[in-house]
Each structure stands twice: as structure tokens, then as C-alpha cells.
Amino acid sequence: PENIYVILPNNYDYTGKISHTVTGGKTRQESVYKGLKALKGAKDDDIILIHDAARPFADYKDIQALLQTIKDDADAASLAAPVTDSLRKADGAVIDRDGLYALQTPQAFRFKTIMSAHEKYKNGNFTDDTSIVAENGGQIVLVPSSAPNFKITTPQDYKMAQALTSPITYRTGQGFDVHAFDNKGSATHVTLCGIKVPHDRKLKGHSDADVGLHAITDALLGATGAGDIGEHFPPSDDTFKNMDSAVFLEKAVTLVQEKNGIISNIDVTLICEAPKISAYKKAMQERIAQICGLNNDQVNVKATTTEKLGFTGRKEGIAAQASVLIGLMP
């Protein structure tokens, strides 16, 4: 546009780059009218855009569509979004949302059209400029908005705006855990990644000795800078004796969420000669995804051996390592 005018409250200091400022009135309608009167030299067929500064996400293509609509001889054009929520009045009456649109800005007009409407109804109490034109007999055309053109009026709106304008901070975390087999007595299974896998030797551990979930828990704690699993669930505390390790992982997920974070993906590798893991990988993937609130394809479970080298090669225990990627929202 050739000229941009900012309409400001009284006693408001403006330090921006826009040179044209106008002191507003007591109402939105009065403020817009004062802004229109400040457009010295405006011609009747000049196109005027009126926009709420509280809507910073208006899309350039949408603005071009508004301008074209006015050039196509509409009296007024407004960005609008179809109402998708169910509507009900306080008295219980249901409102049919079909055909309902929430009006947004910018709104576009020919100068003569909007100025004459404001002059005629200057003592009114309109909250929307297209409504003034419609009251004056004008034709209104709605242009669907393609962007999240919401109005920032609440603290929640502001947080949403921050999320849209600030980059996500990505962090990686890695975890590693080892548990030895207990040579005393017999067993029916070991618990790995939340799944009972048949085996004749159990793993030693204060909890259920689930090396897979322990490694993932440590990886998430590392990504959030929250220490390690031993700090949160010390083996010296009998509260955690024989505990399901899903509890540990759930705690780590909660810590991610408390930092306004989301888990992008989890990759865990189980390292052992026995038991064989392949037949249980899908169930493990699904269980991890369930605990973390993820889609299955955000979790990957692998198994490998050390070619009979080291303590896992000698079947003395099982190891696991995990990597995670999280995104922290502003």
C-alpha cells in the first residue's frame, strides 16, 4: 500500500517506522472513522484496507485476494473463517453453524464506500466495518482465510503466537543400561521394553530390570537436562523395588511435557545373545509408543549381538542403548 496509518490510543508512544499515526477514539468505530478522516487526498475509488494490529498473521495471498475482490466491484470484502465449533447460547438454544463465518481482518473497501458509511452511522456502535457498509446497503463478499489469522486477546493466544513465530529447539538424548543375569534359580521370562520375553534366567535388578525402558528413560532425562534414572528412582529406595519400569518412563515423558516439549522419535537397541528378540520387536514398539503417547512409527526397536564377544557374548547379561529426539516449544 502507498500509505499505512497506525491508529493509537491516547498518550501512546509509538517508536516504529510508520510515519503516519492517528490518535484513536473511545470505540473501535470512532477510531476507524478518525483514521479515515486523516487520509488527506484520498480519492473515492482508492482501495482502503482496515486491519486489527492484534492479528499479526494475515497472509499476503489472502490480502491480494481481498484487493482483487474489491477490483471486481464488491462494496466490501472481509477475510473470514468458517465456524467449525458447535454453538449454543447460554439459555441452551443450539445455533446451526452451517453457513456461519467468523469475520477477520484485513477488510477492504473503496474509500467513498467506507467513508460515506462511517459518516452516516458515526453515532452507531459497530464492531466491524463491513457491518457498517452492509447497514448502508452495500454488498459484502467473504474471502476465506488460508492462514491461522487469529486475534491475540488472551495469554493463551499470545503463547500460540509465540509458538508460530519462534523456532522449535531440538535436543537429542542417549541412554545406556546393563543388567546381569541371575544365576540363582530359574525363571520363565525377562521383561524387555515392557514385554515379557520367554527365558529361563531372570535379570538382576531393583525394579523389573527392563534394560530397554531404562535406556529410553535415561535418554529422555538427558534430552531435558533432568539428570539420570538413578537420581529420580534410586535403587536404595524400597518404593521402587520390583516396580514396573513403565512408571519410570511415564515420569520421563511427563518431564518432557512440563518443559513444553514433544517427543519426535525413539530408537532403542537391545544387545544380547539370548533370548532371541525378533519375534517380540513389534509388540515392544507398540508398548513403548503406548507409554509415551506416540504413533508406532515414531518408535524403532532393534536387536543385535556382539558376535559372542564381551559379557553379552558370554550370555552374562543384556545391554540396551537408546537415542531420542525431542522438540521444545517456546
Protein backbone atom coordinates (compact mmCIF):
# COMPACT_ATOMS: atom_id res chain seq x y z
CA PRO A 1 0.00 0.00 0.00
CA GLU A 2 1.07 3.57 -0.66
CA ASN A 3 0.29 4.77 2.88
CA ILE A 4 -0.02 3.00 6.21
CA TYR A 5 -1.71 4.72 9.13
CA VAL A 6 -1.48 3.42 12.68
CA ILE A 7 -4.36 4.39 14.96
CA LEU A 8 -3.20 4.53 18.56
CA PRO A 9 -4.73 5.06 21.99
CA ASN A 10 -4.32 8.47 23.56
CA ASN A 11 -0.93 9.05 25.24
CA TYR A 12 0.53 6.02 23.47
CA ASP A 13 4.17 6.36 22.45
CA TYR A 14 4.91 4.87 19.03
CA THR A 15 8.53 4.18 18.09
CA GLY A 16 8.03 2.19 14.89
CA LYS A 17 8.98 3.03 11.33
CA ILE A 18 5.49 4.02 10.14
CA SER A 19 5.32 7.81 9.86
CA HIS A 20 1.52 8.26 9.91
CA THR A 21 -0.09 7.94 13.33
CA VAL A 22 -3.58 8.95 14.43
CA THR A 23 -4.95 9.20 17.95
CA GLY A 24 -7.94 6.91 18.22
CA GLY A 25 -11.33 7.37 19.84
CA LYS A 26 -13.26 5.75 22.65
CA THR A 27 -14.56 2.90 20.46
CA ARG A 28 -13.22 0.89 17.57
CA GLN A 29 -15.72 2.52 15.22
CA GLU A 30 -14.69 6.01 16.33
CA SER A 31 -11.02 5.14 15.94
CA VAL A 32 -11.50 3.86 12.38
CA TYR A 33 -13.52 6.96 11.49
CA LYS A 34 -10.74 9.22 12.76
CA GLY A 35 -8.26 7.21 10.74
CA LEU A 36 -10.35 7.59 7.59
CA LYS A 37 -10.61 11.34 8.11
CA ALA A 38 -6.82 11.50 8.37
CA LEU A 39 -6.45 10.15 4.82
CA LYS A 40 -5.95 13.53 3.23
CA GLY A 41 -6.11 13.46 -0.54
CA ALA A 42 -7.70 10.01 -0.74
CA LYS A 43 -9.74 9.51 -3.92
CA ASP A 44 -13.19 7.98 -3.99
CA ASP A 45 -12.02 4.86 -5.82
CA ASP A 46 -8.86 4.31 -3.74
CA ILE A 47 -8.83 0.91 -2.04
CA ILE A 48 -8.66 1.06 1.75
CA LEU A 49 -7.59 -1.87 3.93
CA ILE A 50 -8.60 -1.79 7.60
CA HIS A 51 -6.75 -4.23 9.82
CA ASP A 52 -6.58 -5.09 13.52
CA ALA A 53 -2.99 -4.93 14.73
CA ALA A 54 -3.86 -7.79 17.08
CA ARG A 55 -3.97 -10.11 14.03
CA PRO A 56 -0.31 -10.35 13.01
CA PHE A 57 -0.63 -13.47 10.85
CA ALA A 58 -2.63 -12.21 7.88
CA ASP A 59 -1.35 -13.95 4.75
CA TYR A 60 -0.06 -11.99 1.76
CA LYS A 61 -2.03 -14.12 -0.70
CA ASP A 62 -5.22 -13.50 1.26
CA ILE A 63 -4.62 -9.75 1.12
CA GLN A 64 -4.16 -9.98 -2.63
CA ALA A 65 -7.45 -11.88 -2.85
CA LEU A 66 -9.18 -9.09 -0.90
CA LEU A 67 -7.82 -6.45 -3.26
CA GLN A 68 -8.94 -8.43 -6.29
CA THR A 69 -12.43 -8.83 -4.82
CA ILE A 70 -12.77 -5.05 -4.50
CA LYS A 71 -11.42 -4.60 -8.02
CA ASP A 72 -14.19 -6.97 -9.12
CA ASP A 73 -16.71 -4.37 -7.84
CA ALA A 74 -17.61 -5.71 -4.40
CA ASP A 75 -18.55 -2.93 -1.99
CA ALA A 76 -16.67 -4.60 0.86
CA ALA A 77 -14.54 -7.70 1.31
CA SER A 78 -13.52 -9.37 4.54
CA LEU A 79 -11.31 -12.29 5.40
CA ALA A 80 -13.40 -14.89 7.17
CA ALA A 81 -13.10 -18.39 8.58
CA PRO A 82 -15.95 -20.91 8.60
CA VAL A 83 -17.23 -21.71 12.08
CA THR A 84 -16.29 -25.30 12.88
CA ASP A 85 -17.23 -25.45 16.57
CA SER A 86 -20.71 -26.38 17.73
CA LEU A 87 -22.58 -23.33 19.01
CA ARG A 88 -25.01 -22.97 21.86
CA LYS A 89 -26.48 -19.91 23.57
CA ALA A 90 -26.32 -19.52 27.33
CA ASP A 91 -30.05 -20.23 27.51
CA GLY A 92 -29.45 -23.63 25.90
CA ALA A 93 -30.59 -22.81 22.36
CA VAL A 94 -28.48 -24.52 19.70
CA ILE A 95 -27.26 -22.40 16.78
CA ASP A 96 -26.88 -24.04 13.39
CA ARG A 97 -23.29 -23.38 12.32
CA ASP A 98 -23.92 -24.15 8.65
CA GLY A 99 -23.10 -21.07 6.61
CA LEU A 100 -21.64 -19.19 9.59
CA TYR A 101 -18.29 -17.43 9.25
CA ALA A 102 -16.13 -15.66 11.81
CA LEU A 103 -15.13 -12.28 10.38
CA GLN A 104 -11.46 -11.34 10.43
CA THR A 105 -9.29 -8.52 9.14
CA PRO A 106 -7.98 -7.06 6.91
CA GLN A 107 -11.20 -5.81 5.36
CA ALA A 108 -11.15 -3.96 2.06
CA PHE A 109 -13.28 -1.11 0.68
CA ARG A 110 -13.33 1.69 -1.82
CA PHE A 111 -12.69 4.91 0.09
CA LYS A 112 -16.00 6.51 -0.85
CA THR A 113 -17.95 3.41 0.23
CA ILE A 114 -16.44 3.09 3.69
CA MET A 115 -16.20 6.82 4.37
CA SER A 116 -19.82 7.53 3.50
CA ALA A 117 -20.99 4.62 5.65
CA HIS A 118 -18.98 5.83 8.64
CA GLU A 119 -20.23 9.38 8.24
CA LYS A 120 -23.84 8.23 8.09
CA TYR A 121 -23.59 5.92 11.10
CA LYS A 122 -20.90 7.72 13.10
CA ASN A 123 -23.04 7.59 16.23
CA GLY A 124 -23.50 3.83 15.97
CA ASN A 125 -21.71 1.09 17.86
CA PHE A 126 -20.47 -1.28 15.16
CA THR A 127 -17.57 -3.60 15.97
CA ASP A 128 -16.93 -4.49 12.35
CA ASP A 129 -16.54 -2.19 9.34
CA THR A 130 -18.26 -4.46 6.84
CA SER A 131 -21.35 -4.32 9.06
CA ILE A 132 -21.47 -0.55 8.65
CA VAL A 133 -21.27 -0.90 4.87
CA ALA A 134 -23.94 -3.61 4.92
CA GLU A 135 -26.18 -1.35 7.02
CA ASN A 136 -25.69 1.27 4.34
CA GLY A 137 -26.91 -1.16 1.67
CA GLY A 138 -23.53 -2.38 0.45
CA GLN A 139 -22.62 -5.82 -0.89
CA ILE A 140 -20.25 -7.84 1.31
CA VAL A 141 -18.03 -10.61 -0.06
CA LEU A 142 -16.29 -13.05 2.28
CA VAL A 143 -12.82 -14.23 1.34
CA PRO A 144 -11.80 -17.47 3.13
CA SER A 145 -8.56 -17.01 5.06
CA SER A 146 -5.86 -19.57 4.45
CA ALA A 147 -3.62 -18.74 7.41
CA PRO A 148 -4.07 -19.04 11.20
CA ASN A 149 -5.26 -15.44 11.29
CA PHE A 150 -6.36 -15.44 14.92
CA LYS A 151 -6.63 -12.37 17.14
CA ILE A 152 -4.28 -12.10 20.11
CA THR A 153 -6.53 -11.20 23.03
CA THR A 154 -5.65 -13.68 25.81
CA PRO A 155 -2.44 -15.04 27.35
CA GLN A 156 -3.17 -18.34 25.60
CA ASP A 157 -3.37 -16.52 22.25
CA TYR A 158 -0.01 -14.93 22.96
CA LYS A 159 1.55 -18.31 23.70
CA MET A 160 0.16 -19.63 20.43
CA ALA A 161 1.63 -16.66 18.58
CA GLN A 162 5.00 -17.30 20.19
CA ALA A 163 4.85 -20.92 19.09
CA LEU A 164 4.19 -19.85 15.49
CA THR A 165 6.97 -17.28 15.37
CA SER A 166 9.69 -18.88 17.48
CA PRO A 167 11.70 -21.83 16.24
CA ILE A 168 11.42 -25.18 17.99
CA THR A 169 14.57 -26.11 19.90
CA TYR A 170 15.59 -29.67 19.16
CA ARG A 171 17.51 -31.79 21.65
CA THR A 172 18.88 -35.30 21.48
CA GLY A 173 19.37 -37.68 24.37
CA GLN A 174 21.05 -41.03 24.72
CA GLY A 175 20.70 -43.72 27.33
CA PHE A 176 22.53 -46.93 28.15
CA ASP A 177 21.70 -49.67 30.64
CA VAL A 178 23.02 -53.10 31.59
CA HIS A 179 21.59 -55.84 33.77
CA ALA A 180 23.27 -59.14 34.58
CA PHE A 181 21.53 -62.49 34.59
CA ASP A 182 20.85 -64.03 37.97
CA ASN A 183 22.49 -67.45 38.11
CA LYS A 184 20.44 -68.48 41.13
CA GLY A 185 17.21 -70.28 40.48
CA SER A 186 15.17 -70.49 37.31
CA ALA A 187 12.77 -68.14 35.56
CA THR A 188 10.09 -68.08 32.89
CA HIS A 189 10.79 -64.72 31.27
CA VAL A 190 12.64 -61.42 31.22
CA THR A 191 10.88 -58.09 30.70
CA LEU A 192 12.27 -56.08 27.80
CA CYS A 193 10.72 -52.85 26.53
CA GLY A 194 7.61 -53.63 28.52
CA ILE A 195 7.11 -57.11 27.04
CA LYS A 196 7.63 -60.45 28.75
CA VAL A 197 10.05 -62.48 26.63
CA PRO A 198 10.36 -66.21 27.48
CA HIS A 199 13.73 -67.07 29.04
CA ASP A 200 15.00 -69.46 31.69
CA ARG A 201 17.12 -66.88 33.53
CA LYS A 202 15.93 -63.67 35.13
CA LEU A 203 17.79 -60.37 35.22
CA LYS A 204 19.12 -58.91 38.43
CA GLY A 205 17.70 -55.52 39.30
CA HIS A 206 15.99 -53.43 41.94
CA SER A 207 12.94 -52.89 39.73
CA ASP A 208 11.85 -55.27 36.97
CA ALA A 209 15.31 -54.86 35.34
CA ASP A 210 13.86 -53.75 31.98
CA VAL A 211 17.03 -52.53 30.30
CA GLY A 212 15.13 -51.25 27.26
CA LEU A 213 12.78 -48.94 29.16
CA HIS A 214 15.62 -47.87 31.45
CA ALA A 215 17.75 -46.80 28.49
CA ILE A 216 14.85 -44.86 26.94
CA THR A 217 14.07 -43.22 30.28
CA ASP A 218 17.68 -42.10 30.66
CA ALA A 219 17.71 -40.79 27.09
CA LEU A 220 14.63 -38.63 27.72
CA LEU A 221 16.03 -37.38 31.01
CA GLY A 222 19.25 -36.48 29.23
CA ALA A 223 17.43 -34.61 26.47
CA THR A 224 15.58 -32.48 29.03
CA GLY A 225 18.65 -31.91 31.20
CA ALA A 226 16.93 -33.68 34.08
CA GLY A 227 19.73 -35.90 35.31
CA ASP A 228 19.57 -39.69 35.17
CA ILE A 229 17.30 -42.51 36.20
CA GLY A 230 19.25 -43.20 39.39
CA GLU A 231 18.57 -39.68 40.67
CA HIS A 232 14.82 -39.99 40.17
CA PHE A 233 14.45 -43.65 41.15
CA PRO A 234 17.38 -44.58 43.40
CA PRO A 235 17.92 -48.32 43.94
CA SER A 236 18.31 -47.60 47.65
CA ASP A 237 14.61 -46.67 47.85
CA ASP A 238 12.42 -49.70 48.51
CA THR A 239 9.48 -47.83 46.96
CA PHE A 240 10.79 -48.85 43.56
CA LYS A 241 11.59 -52.49 44.35
CA ASN A 242 10.16 -54.80 41.66
CA MET A 243 8.40 -51.79 40.12
CA ASP A 244 7.19 -51.84 36.52
CA SER A 245 9.70 -49.72 34.59
CA ALA A 246 6.83 -48.19 32.63
CA VAL A 247 6.39 -45.96 35.70
CA PHE A 248 9.91 -44.61 35.19
CA LEU A 249 9.33 -43.94 31.51
CA GLU A 250 5.99 -42.25 32.20
CA LYS A 251 7.77 -39.89 34.60
CA ALA A 252 10.37 -39.01 31.97
CA VAL A 253 7.61 -38.33 29.42
CA THR A 254 5.90 -36.05 31.94
CA LEU A 255 9.13 -34.10 32.42
CA VAL A 256 9.36 -33.58 28.66
CA GLN A 257 5.79 -32.29 28.60
CA GLU A 258 6.41 -29.98 31.56
CA LYS A 259 9.14 -28.33 29.50
CA ASN A 260 6.58 -27.78 26.73
CA GLY A 261 8.30 -30.47 24.73
CA ILE A 262 7.23 -33.18 22.31
CA ILE A 263 8.95 -36.46 21.54
CA SER A 264 9.84 -36.76 17.87
CA ASN A 265 11.14 -40.32 17.84
CA ILE A 266 12.74 -43.06 19.92
CA ASP A 267 15.31 -45.61 18.72
CA VAL A 268 16.37 -48.41 21.06
CA THR A 269 18.77 -51.30 20.52
CA LEU A 270 18.82 -54.44 22.67
CA ILE A 271 22.19 -56.19 22.83
CA CYS A 272 22.26 -59.87 23.81
CA GLU A 273 22.92 -63.42 22.63
CA ALA A 274 19.80 -64.67 24.37
CA PRO A 275 16.89 -64.53 24.44
CA LYS A 276 16.06 -64.00 20.78
CA ILE A 277 14.22 -60.71 20.28
CA SER A 278 12.97 -60.65 16.68
CA ALA A 279 9.54 -62.17 17.32
CA TYR A 280 8.79 -59.58 20.02
CA LYS A 281 10.02 -56.35 18.41
CA LYS A 282 6.62 -55.27 17.10
CA ALA A 283 4.98 -55.76 20.50
CA MET A 284 7.82 -53.81 22.11
CA GLN A 285 7.41 -51.00 19.61
CA GLU A 286 3.69 -50.79 20.33
CA ARG A 287 4.18 -50.85 24.10
CA ILE A 288 6.76 -48.06 24.06
CA ALA A 289 4.52 -45.98 21.80
CA GLN A 290 1.59 -46.56 24.16
CA ILE A 291 3.53 -45.44 27.23
CA CYS A 292 4.90 -42.35 25.50
CA GLY A 293 1.72 -41.37 23.66
CA LEU A 294 3.33 -41.74 20.24
CA ASN A 295 2.45 -43.30 16.93
CA ASN A 296 4.05 -46.70 16.37
CA ASP A 297 6.21 -45.38 13.54
CA GLN A 298 7.85 -42.92 15.95
CA VAL A 299 9.42 -45.84 17.79
CA ASN A 300 12.01 -48.27 16.47
CA VAL A 301 13.27 -51.38 18.26
CA LYS A 302 16.38 -53.20 17.09
CA ALA A 303 18.29 -56.18 18.40
CA THR A 304 21.89 -57.17 17.85
CA THR A 305 24.67 -59.31 19.28
CA THR A 306 28.34 -58.67 19.96
CA GLU A 307 29.39 -61.72 17.96
CA LYS A 308 29.95 -63.66 21.19
CA LEU A 309 32.39 -61.03 22.48
CA GLY A 310 32.23 -59.48 25.93
CA PHE A 311 29.76 -60.11 28.74
CA THR A 312 26.74 -60.16 26.43
CA GLY A 313 28.57 -62.57 24.14
CA ARG A 314 29.14 -64.83 27.11
CA LYS A 315 25.42 -64.60 27.94
CA GLU A 316 26.14 -62.95 31.26
CA GLY A 317 23.58 -60.18 30.79
CA ILE A 318 21.69 -57.85 28.47
CA ALA A 319 22.52 -54.28 27.46
CA ALA A 320 20.42 -51.61 25.79
CA GLN A 321 21.12 -48.24 24.29
CA ALA A 322 18.58 -45.65 23.21
CA SER A 323 18.53 -42.38 21.33
CA VAL A 324 15.70 -39.86 21.36
CA LEU A 325 14.89 -36.58 19.65
CA ILE A 326 12.62 -34.07 21.36
CA GLY A 327 11.41 -30.64 20.33
CA LEU A 328 10.94 -27.89 22.92
CA MET A 329 8.29 -25.34 22.05
CA PRO A 330 8.91 -21.70 23.08
